[in-house]
PDB file of N, CA and C in Angstrom:
ATOM      1  N   MET A   1     165.401-126.290  80.477  1.00  0.00           N
ATOM      2  CA  MET A   1     164.386-126.162  81.495  1.00  0.00           C
ATOM      3  C   MET A   1     163.102-125.597  80.896  1.00  0.00           C
ATOM      4  N   PHE A   2     163.192-124.476  80.194  1.00  0.00           N
ATOM      5  CA  PHE A   2     161.993-123.861  79.617  1.00  0.00           C
ATOM      6  C   PHE A   2     161.980-123.965  78.098  1.00  0.00           C
ATOM      7  N   GLN A   3     162.835-124.806  77.522  1.00  0.00           N
ATOM      8  CA  GLN A   3     162.942-124.883  76.069  1.00  0.00           C
ATOM      9  C   GLN A   3     161.637-125.290  75.392  1.00  0.00           C
ATOM     10  N   ASP A   4     160.769-125.986  76.124  1.00  0.00           N
ATOM     11  CA  ASP A   4     159.493-126.381  75.526  1.00  0.00           C
ATOM     12  C   ASP A   4     158.499-125.233  75.459  1.00  0.00           C
ATOM     13  N   CYS A   5     158.739-124.149  76.221  1.00  0.00           N
ATOM     14  CA  CYS A   5     157.782-123.036  76.178  1.00  0.00           C
ATOM     15  C   CYS A   5     158.419-121.704  75.770  1.00  0.00           C
ATOM     16  N   ILE A   6     159.752-121.630  75.766  1.00  0.00           N
ATOM     17  CA  ILE A   6     160.447-120.408  75.338  1.00  0.00           C
ATOM     18  C   ILE A   6     161.592-120.813  74.434  1.00  0.00           C
ATOM     19  N   ASN A   7     161.548-120.376  73.189  1.00  0.00           N
ATOM     20  CA  ASN A   7     162.682-120.676  72.305  1.00  0.00           C
ATOM     21  C   ASN A   7     163.319-119.421  71.722  1.00  0.00           C
ATOM     22  N   THR A   8     162.719-118.260  71.973  1.00  0.00           N
ATOM     23  CA  THR A   8     163.339-116.993  71.605  1.00  0.00           C
ATOM     24  C   THR A   8     163.023-115.975  72.699  1.00  0.00           C
ATOM     25  N   ILE A   9     163.839-114.955  72.765  1.00  0.00           N
ATOM     26  CA  ILE A   9     163.646-113.925  73.797  1.00  0.00           C
ATOM     27  C   ILE A   9     162.274-113.283  73.677  1.00  0.00           C
ATOM     28  N   SER A  10     161.814-113.086  72.463  1.00  0.00           N
ATOM     29  CA  SER A  10     160.520-112.415  72.272  1.00  0.00           C
ATOM     30  C   SER A  10     159.346-113.262  72.766  1.00  0.00           C
ATOM     31  N   LYS A  11     159.591-114.565  73.011  1.00  0.00           N
ATOM     32  CA  LYS A  11     158.501-115.431  73.471  1.00  0.00           C
ATOM     33  C   LYS A  11     158.471-115.606  74.988  1.00  0.00           C
ATOM     34  N   ILE A  12     159.256-114.827  75.719  1.00  0.00           N
ATOM     35  CA  ILE A  12     159.194-114.895  77.177  1.00  0.00           C
ATOM     36  C   ILE A  12     157.900-114.227  77.612  1.00  0.00           C
ATOM     37  N   ARG A  13     156.986-115.025  78.087  1.00  0.00           N
ATOM     38  CA  ARG A  13     155.660-114.544  78.502  1.00  0.00           C
ATOM     39  C   ARG A  13     155.280-115.161  79.844  1.00  0.00           C
ATOM     40  N   ARG A  14     154.613-114.374  80.660  1.00  0.00           N
ATOM     41  CA  ARG A  14     154.159-114.831  81.971  1.00  0.00           C
ATOM     42  C   ARG A  14     153.284-116.065  81.849  1.00  0.00           C
ATOM     43  N   GLU A  15     152.382-116.074  80.875  1.00  0.00           N
ATOM     44  CA  GLU A  15     151.444-117.184  80.716  1.00  0.00           C
ATOM     45  C   GLU A  15     152.182-118.499  80.447  1.00  0.00           C
ATOM     46  N   LYS A  16     153.244-118.432  79.649  1.00  0.00           N
ATOM     47  CA  LYS A  16     154.015-119.645  79.329  1.00  0.00           C
ATOM     48  C   LYS A  16     154.700-120.200  80.580  1.00  0.00           C
ATOM     49  N   ILE A  17     155.250-119.320  81.392  1.00  0.00           N
ATOM     50  CA  ILE A  17     155.934-119.769  82.609  1.00  0.00           C
ATOM     51  C   ILE A  17     154.915-120.314  83.608  1.00  0.00           C
ATOM     52  N   GLU A  18     153.768-119.662  83.721  1.00  0.00           N
ATOM     53  CA  GLU A  18     152.724-120.172  84.615  1.00  0.00           C
ATOM     54  C   GLU A  18     152.223-121.537  84.158  1.00  0.00           C
ATOM     55  N   GLU A  19     152.142-121.728  82.852  1.00  0.00           N
ATOM     56  CA  GLU A  19     151.774-123.030  82.288  1.00  0.00           C
ATOM     57  C   GLU A  19     152.816-124.091  82.654  1.00  0.00           C
ATOM     58  N   TRP A  20     154.086-123.715  82.546  1.00  0.00           N
ATOM     59  CA  TRP A  20     155.185-124.621  82.893  1.00  0.00           C
ATOM     60  C   TRP A  20     155.104-125.006  84.379  1.00  0.00           C
ATOM     61  N   ILE A  21     154.848-124.006  85.227  1.00  0.00           N
ATOM     62  CA  ILE A  21     154.730-124.267  86.670  1.00  0.00           C
ATOM     63  C   ILE A  21     153.581-125.238  86.932  1.00  0.00           C
ATOM     64  N   ALA A  22     152.428-124.972  86.337  1.00  0.00           N
ATOM     65  CA  ALA A  22     151.263-125.845  86.531  1.00  0.00           C
ATOM     66  C   ALA A  22     151.558-127.270  86.078  1.00  0.00           C
ATOM     67  N   ASN A  23     152.264-127.400  84.963  1.00  0.00           N
ATOM     68  CA  ASN A  23     152.631-128.714  84.438  1.00  0.00           C
ATOM     69  C   ASN A  23     153.548-129.443  85.427  1.00  0.00           C
ATOM     70  N   LYS A  24     154.551-128.755  85.953  1.00  0.00           N
ATOM     71  CA  LYS A  24     155.478-129.372  86.905  1.00  0.00           C
ATOM     72  C   LYS A  24     154.764-129.758  88.200  1.00  0.00           C
ATOM     73  N   LEU A  25     153.829-128.928  88.637  1.00  0.00           N
ATOM     74  CA  LEU A  25     153.066-129.261  89.843  1.00  0.00           C
ATOM     75  C   LEU A  25     152.195-130.493  89.624  1.00  0.00           C
ATOM     76  N   GLN A  26     151.599-130.579  88.447  1.00  0.00           N
ATOM     77  CA  GLN A  26     150.743-131.724  88.134  1.00  0.00           C
ATOM     78  C   GLN A  26     151.562-133.011  88.053  1.00  0.00           C
ATOM     79  N   GLN A  27     152.759-132.941  87.466  1.00  0.00           N
ATOM     80  CA  GLN A  27     153.615-134.119  87.351  1.00  0.00           C
ATOM     81  C   GLN A  27     154.193-134.540  88.693  1.00  0.00           C
ATOM     82  N   ASN A  28     154.315-133.593  89.627  1.00  0.00           N
ATOM     83  CA  ASN A  28     154.813-133.842  90.977  1.00  0.00           C
ATOM     84  C   ASN A  28     156.187-134.523  90.977  1.00  0.00           C
ATOM     85  N   GLU A  29     157.025-134.164  90.007  1.00  0.00           N
ATOM     86  CA  GLU A  29     158.356-134.769  89.903  1.00  0.00           C
ATOM     87  C   GLU A  29     159.427-133.962  90.628  1.00  0.00           C
ATOM     88  N   ILE A  30     159.245-132.651  90.713  1.00  0.00           N
ATOM     89  CA  ILE A  30     160.238-131.820  91.394  1.00  0.00           C
ATOM     90  C   ILE A  30     159.550-130.992  92.471  1.00  0.00           C
ATOM     91  N   SER A  31     160.333-130.589  93.443  1.00  0.00           N
ATOM     92  CA  SER A  31     159.788-129.879  94.601  1.00  0.00           C
ATOM     93  C   SER A  31     159.469-128.423  94.271  1.00  0.00           C
ATOM     94  N   HIS A  32     158.722-127.814  95.170  1.00  0.00           N
ATOM     95  CA  HIS A  32     158.403-126.394  95.034  1.00  0.00           C
ATOM     96  C   HIS A  32     159.684-125.565  95.041  1.00  0.00           C
ATOM     97  N   SER A  33     160.656-125.965  95.873  1.00  0.00           N
ATOM     98  CA  SER A  33     161.932-125.239  95.921  1.00  0.00           C
ATOM     99  C   SER A  33     162.648-125.289  94.581  1.00  0.00           C
ATOM    100  N   SER A  34     162.633-126.441  93.929  1.00  0.00           N
ATOM    101  CA  SER A  34     163.277-126.570  92.618  1.00  0.00           C
ATOM    102  C   SER A  34     162.556-125.739  91.568  1.00  0.00           C
ATOM    103  N   ILE A  35     161.245-125.756  91.610  1.00  0.00           N
ATOM    104  CA  ILE A  35     160.456-124.927  90.684  1.00  0.00           C
ATOM    105  C   ILE A  35     160.786-123.457  90.917  1.00  0.00           C
ATOM    106  N   ASN A  36     160.835-123.042  92.188  1.00  0.00           N
ATOM    107  CA  ASN A  36     161.155-121.651  92.522  1.00  0.00           C
ATOM    108  C   ASN A  36     162.533-121.256  92.004  1.00  0.00           C
ATOM    109  N   MET A  37     163.492-122.168  92.108  1.00  0.00           N
ATOM    110  CA  MET A  37     164.837-121.882  91.635  1.00  0.00           C
ATOM    111  C   MET A  37     164.829-121.655  90.120  1.00  0.00           C
ATOM    112  N   CYS A  38     164.116-122.496  89.391  1.00  0.00           N
ATOM    113  CA  CYS A  38     164.022-122.341  87.932  1.00  0.00           C
ATOM    114  C   CYS A  38     163.330-121.030  87.561  1.00  0.00           C
ATOM    115  N   VAL A  39     162.228-120.748  88.224  1.00  0.00           N
ATOM    116  CA  VAL A  39     161.474-119.523  87.934  1.00  0.00           C
ATOM    117  C   VAL A  39     162.312-118.299  88.305  1.00  0.00           C
ATOM    118  N   GLY A  40     162.999-118.358  89.434  1.00  0.00           N
ATOM    119  CA  GLY A  40     163.862-117.253  89.836  1.00  0.00           C
ATOM    120  C   GLY A  40     164.953-116.983  88.813  1.00  0.00           C
ATOM    121  N   SER A  41     165.499-118.048  88.243  1.00  0.00           N
ATOM    122  CA  SER A  41     166.549-117.897  87.227  1.00  0.00           C
ATOM    123  C   SER A  41     166.027-117.210  85.978  1.00  0.00           C
ATOM    124  N   VAL A  42     164.879-117.642  85.491  1.00  0.00           N
ATOM    125  CA  VAL A  42     164.353-117.040  84.266  1.00  0.00           C
ATOM    126  C   VAL A  42     163.865-115.614  84.530  1.00  0.00           C
ATOM    127  N   LYS A  43     163.372-115.338  85.747  1.00  0.00           N
ATOM    128  CA  LYS A  43     162.992-113.963  86.093  1.00  0.00           C
ATOM    129  C   LYS A  43     164.229-113.061  86.128  1.00  0.00           C
ATOM    130  N   SER A  44     165.327-113.579  86.666  1.00  0.00           N
ATOM    131  CA  SER A  44     166.575-112.808  86.695  1.00  0.00           C
ATOM    132  C   SER A  44     167.080-112.532  85.284  1.00  0.00           C
ATOM    133  N   PHE A  45     166.964-113.529  84.426  1.00  0.00           N
ATOM    134  CA  PHE A  45     167.369-113.344  83.035  1.00  0.00           C
ATOM    135  C   PHE A  45     166.510-112.268  82.375  1.00  0.00           C
ATOM    136  N   ALA A  46     165.214-112.285  82.645  1.00  0.00           N
ATOM    137  CA  ALA A  46     164.324-111.271  82.071  1.00  0.00           C
ATOM    138  C   ALA A  46     164.680-109.879  82.606  1.00  0.00           C
ATOM    139  N   ASN A  47     165.061-109.791  83.891  1.00  0.00           N
ATOM    140  CA  ASN A  47     165.520-108.505  84.442  1.00  0.00           C
ATOM    141  C   ASN A  47     166.788-108.033  83.729  1.00  0.00           C
ATOM    142  N   TYR A  48     167.686-108.967  83.472  1.00  0.00           N
ATOM    143  CA  TYR A  48     168.919-108.646  82.762  1.00  0.00           C
ATOM    144  C   TYR A  48     168.612-108.106  81.361  1.00  0.00           C
ATOM    145  N   LEU A  49     167.654-108.707  80.682  1.00  0.00           N
ATOM    146  CA  LEU A  49     167.278-108.234  79.346  1.00  0.00           C
ATOM    147  C   LEU A  49     166.756-106.802  79.384  1.00  0.00           C
ATOM    148  N   VAL A  50     166.061-106.454  80.464  1.00  0.00           N
ATOM    149  CA  VAL A  50     165.598-105.073  80.635  1.00  0.00           C
ATOM    150  C   VAL A  50     166.801-104.162  80.889  1.00  0.00           C
ATOM    151  N   ASP A  51     167.719-104.611  81.755  1.00  0.00           N
ATOM    152  CA  ASP A  51     168.907-103.807  82.093  1.00  0.00           C
ATOM    153  C   ASP A  51     169.768-103.481  80.875  1.00  0.00           C
ATOM    154  N   ILE A  52     169.869-104.406  79.943  1.00  0.00           N
ATOM    155  CA  ILE A  52     170.713-104.162  78.762  1.00  0.00           C
ATOM    156  C   ILE A  52     169.896-103.659  77.568  1.00  0.00           C
ATOM    157  N   ASP A  53     168.661-103.249  77.837  1.00  0.00           N
ATOM    158  CA  ASP A  53     167.786-102.629  76.832  1.00  0.00           C
ATOM    159  C   ASP A  53     167.409-103.538  75.676  1.00  0.00           C
ATOM    160  N   VAL A  54     167.339-104.839  75.941  1.00  0.00           N
ATOM    161  CA  VAL A  54     166.841-105.771  74.927  1.00  0.00           C
ATOM    162  C   VAL A  54     165.319-105.811  74.990  1.00  0.00           C
ATOM    163  N   GLN A  55     164.777-105.709  76.205  1.00  0.00           N
ATOM    164  CA  GLN A  55     163.327-105.631  76.394  1.00  0.00           C
ATOM    165  C   GLN A  55     163.014-104.382  77.201  1.00  0.00           C
ATOM    166  N   GLN A  56     161.818-103.860  77.017  1.00  0.00           N
ATOM    167  CA  GLN A  56     161.435-102.647  77.730  1.00  0.00           C
ATOM    168  C   GLN A  56     160.934-102.923  79.142  1.00  0.00           C
ATOM    169  N   ARG A  57     160.350-104.123  79.341  1.00  0.00           N
ATOM    170  CA  ARG A  57     159.836-104.468  80.670  1.00  0.00           C
ATOM    171  C   ARG A  57     159.996-105.960  80.889  1.00  0.00           C
ATOM    172  N   ASN A  58     159.940-106.343  82.150  1.00  0.00           N
ATOM    173  CA  ASN A  58     160.040-107.756  82.512  1.00  0.00           C
ATOM    174  C   ASN A  58     158.633-108.342  82.572  1.00  0.00           C
ATOM    175  N   PRO A  59     158.267-109.194  81.615  1.00  0.00           N
ATOM    176  CA  PRO A  59     156.919-109.762  81.610  1.00  0.00           C
ATOM    177  C   PRO A  59     156.696-110.783  82.735  1.00  0.00           C
ATOM    178  N   LEU A  60     157.763-111.177  83.418  1.00  0.00           N
ATOM    179  CA  LEU A  60     157.647-112.192  84.473  1.00  0.00           C
ATOM    180  C   LEU A  60     157.623-111.581  85.870  1.00  0.00           C
ATOM    181  N   LYS A  61     157.660-110.270  85.936  1.00  0.00           N
ATOM    182  CA  LYS A  61     157.747-109.569  87.223  1.00  0.00           C
ATOM    183  C   LYS A  61     156.641-109.964  88.194  1.00  0.00           C
ATOM    184  N   SER A  62     155.454-110.218  87.697  1.00  0.00           N
ATOM    185  CA  SER A  62     154.306-110.489  88.583  1.00  0.00           C
ATOM    186  C   SER A  62     154.183-111.953  89.008  1.00  0.00           C
ATOM    187  N   ILE A  63     155.051-112.822  88.519  1.00  0.00           N
ATOM    188  CA  ILE A  63     154.963-114.243  88.902  1.00  0.00           C
ATOM    189  C   ILE A  63     155.422-114.396  90.343  1.00  0.00           C
ATOM    190  N   ARG A  64     154.592-115.028  91.133  1.00  0.00           N
ATOM    191  CA  ARG A  64     154.915-115.269  92.541  1.00  0.00           C
ATOM    192  C   ARG A  64     155.507-116.661  92.700  1.00  0.00           C
ATOM    193  N   LEU A  65     156.413-116.777  93.636  1.00  0.00           N
ATOM    194  CA  LEU A  65     157.032-118.068  93.919  1.00  0.00           C
ATOM    195  C   LEU A  65     156.083-118.930  94.744  1.00  0.00           C
ATOM    196  N   LEU A  66     156.300-120.229  94.683  1.00  0.00           N
ATOM    197  CA  LEU A  66     155.491-121.175  95.444  1.00  0.00           C
ATOM    198  C   LEU A  66     155.943-121.202  96.894  1.00  0.00           C
ATOM    199  N   ASN A  67     155.072-121.639  97.777  1.00  0.00           N
ATOM    200  CA  ASN A  67     155.415-121.783  99.184  1.00  0.00           C
ATOM    201  C   ASN A  67     156.117-123.125  99.369  1.00  0.00           C
ATOM    202  N   ALA A  68     157.416-123.084  99.461  1.00  0.00           N
ATOM    203  CA  ALA A  68     158.209-124.312  99.557  1.00  0.00           C
ATOM    204  C   ALA A  68     157.960-125.060 100.868  1.00  0.00           C
ATOM    205  N   ASP A  69     157.494-124.359 101.897  1.00  0.00           N
ATOM    206  CA  ASP A  69     157.223-125.021 103.183  1.00  0.00           C
ATOM    207  C   ASP A  69     156.065-126.018 103.083  1.00  0.00           C
ATOM    208  N   LEU A  70     155.223-125.858 102.082  1.00  0.00           N
ATOM    209  CA  LEU A  70     154.087-126.770 101.918  1.00  0.00           C
ATOM    210  C   LEU A  70     154.477-128.065 101.206  1.00  0.00           C
ATOM    211  N   ASP A  71     155.704-128.127 100.708  1.00  0.00           N
ATOM    212  CA  ASP A  71     156.133-129.291  99.921  1.00  0.00           C
ATOM    213  C   ASP A  71     157.517-129.735 100.374  1.00  0.00           C
ATOM    214  N   ARG A  72     157.605-130.214 101.586  1.00  0.00           N
ATOM    215  CA  ARG A  72     158.888-130.674 102.119  1.00  0.00           C
ATOM    216  C   ARG A  72     159.131-132.110 101.691  1.00  0.00           C
ATOM    217  N   ARG A  73     160.113-132.301 100.811  1.00  0.00           N
ATOM    218  CA  ARG A  73     160.461-133.643 100.358  1.00  0.00           C
ATOM    219  C   ARG A  73     161.433-134.302 101.328  1.00  0.00           C
ATOM    220  N   PHE A  74     162.342-133.496 101.873  1.00  0.00           N
ATOM    221  CA  PHE A  74     163.335-134.001 102.804  1.00  0.00           C
ATOM    222  C   PHE A  74     163.348-133.083 104.021  1.00  0.00           C
ATOM    223  N   VAL A  75     163.125-133.650 105.178  1.00  0.00           N
ATOM    224  CA  VAL A  75     163.170-132.863 106.405  1.00  0.00           C
ATOM    225  C   VAL A  75     164.586-132.950 106.962  1.00  0.00           C
ATOM    226  N   ARG A  76     165.223-131.802 107.100  1.00  0.00           N
ATOM    227  CA  ARG A  76     166.572-131.775 107.645  1.00  0.00           C
ATOM    228  C   ARG A  76     166.515-131.927 109.154  1.00  0.00           C
ATOM    229  N   ARG A  77     167.523-132.580 109.678  1.00  0.00           N
ATOM    230  CA  ARG A  77     167.586-132.760 111.124  1.00  0.00           C
ATOM    231  C   ARG A  77     169.045-132.757 111.537  1.00  0.00           C
ATOM    232  N   ALA A  78     169.260-132.537 112.802  1.00  0.00           N
ATOM    233  CA  ALA A  78     170.622-132.594 113.327  1.00  0.00           C
ATOM    234  C   ALA A  78     171.051-134.050 113.426  1.00  0.00           C
ATOM    235  N   MET A  79     172.341-134.276 113.281  1.00  0.00           N
ATOM    236  CA  MET A  79     172.859-135.641 113.421  1.00  0.00           C
ATOM    237  C   MET A  79     172.840-136.037 114.896  1.00  0.00           C
ATOM    238  N   THR A  80     172.601-137.307 115.131  1.00  0.00           N
ATOM    239  CA  THR A  80     172.674-137.810 116.504  1.00  0.00           C
ATOM    240  C   THR A  80     174.143-137.925 116.888  1.00  0.00           C
ATOM    241  N   SER A  81     174.407-138.051 118.181  1.00  0.00           N
ATOM    242  CA  SER A  81     175.802-138.182 118.616  1.00  0.00           C
ATOM    243  C   SER A  81     176.413-139.466 118.060  1.00  0.00           C
ATOM    244  N   GLU A  82     175.629-140.517 117.927  1.00  0.00           N
ATOM    245  CA  GLU A  82     176.122-141.770 117.362  1.00  0.00           C
ATOM    246  C   GLU A  82     176.501-141.586 115.884  1.00  0.00           C
ATOM    247  N   GLU A  83     175.696-140.843 115.136  1.00  0.00           N
ATOM    248  CA  GLU A  83     176.003-140.576 113.728  1.00  0.00           C
ATOM    249  C   GLU A  83     177.276-139.745 113.587  1.00  0.00           C
ATOM    250  N   VAL A  84     177.467-138.785 114.475  1.00  0.00           N
ATOM    251  CA  VAL A  84     178.676-137.959 114.446  1.00  0.00           C
ATOM    252  C   VAL A  84     179.898-138.828 114.710  1.00  0.00           C
ATOM    253  N   LYS A  85     179.804-139.718 115.694  1.00  0.00           N
ATOM    254  CA  LYS A  85     180.922-140.616 116.009  1.00  0.00           C
ATOM    255  C   LYS A  85     181.267-141.491 114.809  1.00  0.00           C
ATOM    256  N   ARG A  86     180.251-142.059 114.166  1.00  0.00           N
ATOM    257  CA  ARG A  86     180.489-142.916 113.001  1.00  0.00           C
ATOM    258  C   ARG A  86     181.117-142.120 111.852  1.00  0.00           C
ATOM    259  N   LEU A  87     180.659-140.892 111.654  1.00  0.00           N
ATOM    260  CA  LEU A  87     181.208-140.041 110.604  1.00  0.00           C
ATOM    261  C   LEU A  87     182.674-139.733 110.871  1.00  0.00           C
ATOM    262  N   LEU A  88     182.987-139.349 112.102  1.00  0.00           N
ATOM    263  CA  LEU A  88     184.376-139.030 112.451  1.00  0.00           C
ATOM    264  C   LEU A  88     185.276-140.258 112.335  1.00  0.00           C
ATOM    265  N   LYS A  89     184.761-141.398 112.711  1.00  0.00           N
ATOM    266  CA  LYS A  89     185.544-142.632 112.604  1.00  0.00           C
ATOM    267  C   LYS A  89     185.819-142.948 111.133  1.00  0.00           C
ATOM    268  N   ALA A  90     184.807-142.834 110.309  1.00  0.00           N
ATOM    269  CA  ALA A  90     184.983-143.105 108.877  1.00  0.00           C
ATOM    270  C   ALA A  90     185.969-142.124 108.255  1.00  0.00           C
ATOM    271  N   ALA A  91     185.923-140.869 108.671  1.00  0.00           N
ATOM    272  CA  ALA A  91     186.829-139.861 108.122  1.00  0.00           C
ATOM    273  C   ALA A  91     188.262-140.116 108.559  1.00  0.00           C
ATOM    274  N   SER A  92     188.452-140.662 109.747  1.00  0.00           N
ATOM    275  CA  SER A  92     189.811-140.877 110.249  1.00  0.00           C
ATOM    276  C   SER A  92     190.498-142.066 109.586  1.00  0.00           C
ATOM    277  N   VAL A  93     189.740-143.029 109.091  1.00  0.00           N
ATOM    278  CA  VAL A  93     190.357-144.191 108.453  1.00  0.00           C
ATOM    279  C   VAL A  93     190.457-144.056 106.944  1.00  0.00           C
ATOM    280  N   THR A  94     189.828-143.051 106.368  1.00  0.00           N
ATOM    281  CA  THR A  94     189.875-142.830 104.927  1.00  0.00           C
ATOM    282  C   THR A  94     191.188-142.148 104.583  1.00  0.00           C
ATOM    283  N   SER A  95     191.853-142.617 103.548  1.00  0.00           N
ATOM    284  CA  SER A  95     193.112-141.987 103.148  1.00  0.00           C
ATOM    285  C   SER A  95     192.824-140.596 102.594  1.00  0.00           C
ATOM    286  N   THR A  96     193.757-139.709 102.820  1.00  0.00           N
ATOM    287  CA  THR A  96     193.571-138.332 102.358  1.00  0.00           C
ATOM    288  C   THR A  96     194.400-138.084 101.111  1.00  0.00           C
ATOM    289  N   PHE A  97     193.950-137.163 100.304  1.00  0.00           N
ATOM    290  CA  PHE A  97     194.636-136.782  99.073  1.00  0.00           C
ATOM    291  C   PHE A  97     194.936-135.306  99.136  1.00  0.00           C
ATOM    292  N   ARG A  98     196.079-134.931  98.621  1.00  0.00           N
ATOM    293  CA  ARG A  98     196.317-133.515  98.361  1.00  0.00           C
ATOM    294  C   ARG A  98     195.620-133.207  97.045  1.00  0.00           C
ATOM    295  N   SER A  99     195.278-131.979  96.821  1.00  0.00           N
ATOM    296  CA  SER A  99     194.552-131.638  95.593  1.00  0.00           C
ATOM    297  C   SER A  99     195.339-132.007  94.345  1.00  0.00           C
ATOM    298  N   ALA A 100     196.667-131.880  94.377  1.00  0.00           N
ATOM    299  CA  ALA A 100     197.486-132.250  93.200  1.00  0.00           C
ATOM    300  C   ALA A 100     197.406-133.738  92.943  1.00  0.00           C
ATOM    301  N   ASP A 101     197.432-134.554  94.028  1.00  0.00           N
ATOM    302  CA  ASP A 101     197.295-135.996  93.881  1.00  0.00           C
ATOM    303  C   ASP A 101     195.933-136.339  93.301  1.00  0.00           C
ATOM    304  N   ARG A 102     194.922-135.668  93.782  1.00  0.00           N
ATOM    305  CA  ARG A 102     193.549-135.927  93.337  1.00  0.00           C
ATOM    306  C   ARG A 102     193.397-135.614  91.848  1.00  0.00           C
ATOM    307  N   ALA A 103     193.992-134.518  91.413  1.00  0.00           N
ATOM    308  CA  ALA A 103     193.898-134.126  90.005  1.00  0.00           C
ATOM    309  C   ALA A 103     194.560-135.159  89.103  1.00  0.00           C
ATOM    310  N   GLN A 104     195.653-135.762  89.563  1.00  0.00           N
ATOM    311  CA  GLN A 104     196.360-136.747  88.743  1.00  0.00           C
ATOM    312  C   GLN A 104     195.533-138.002  88.511  1.00  0.00           C
ATOM    313  N   GLU A 105     194.574-138.263  89.392  1.00  0.00           N
ATOM    314  CA  GLU A 105     193.724-139.432  89.209  1.00  0.00           C
ATOM    315  C   GLU A 105     192.894-139.339  87.938  1.00  0.00           C
ATOM    316  N   PHE A 106     192.610-138.137  87.491  1.00  0.00           N
ATOM    317  CA  PHE A 106     191.728-137.942  86.351  1.00  0.00           C
ATOM    318  C   PHE A 106     192.476-137.795  85.037  1.00  0.00           C
ATOM    319  N   PHE A 107     193.820-137.771  85.068  1.00  0.00           N
ATOM    320  CA  PHE A 107     194.584-137.588  83.837  1.00  0.00           C
ATOM    321  C   PHE A 107     195.481-138.760  83.559  1.00  0.00           C
TER     322      PHE A 107
END
């Protein structure tokens, strides 16, 4: 995810992550929520490095997450009653597997 801008712990810098965010926003390939998830992960890792005394401070602490509400790729909605009926019908005619049977399919 960040291998193009961070290849060692000592190179974790706020500017590099902000550059990565700007690049992803410009490419418009992933949503704000996905960007936030990636940034949250690397911020958590940086916090962990502080906790185990590898770094003295978290250089990513000041990075703010994006407003995911401004970039809705998929709007969730409740299923209609017709969709629920079709789902239940499909589930009732599909054969069921016990987990042991399912595992044997892969071996």
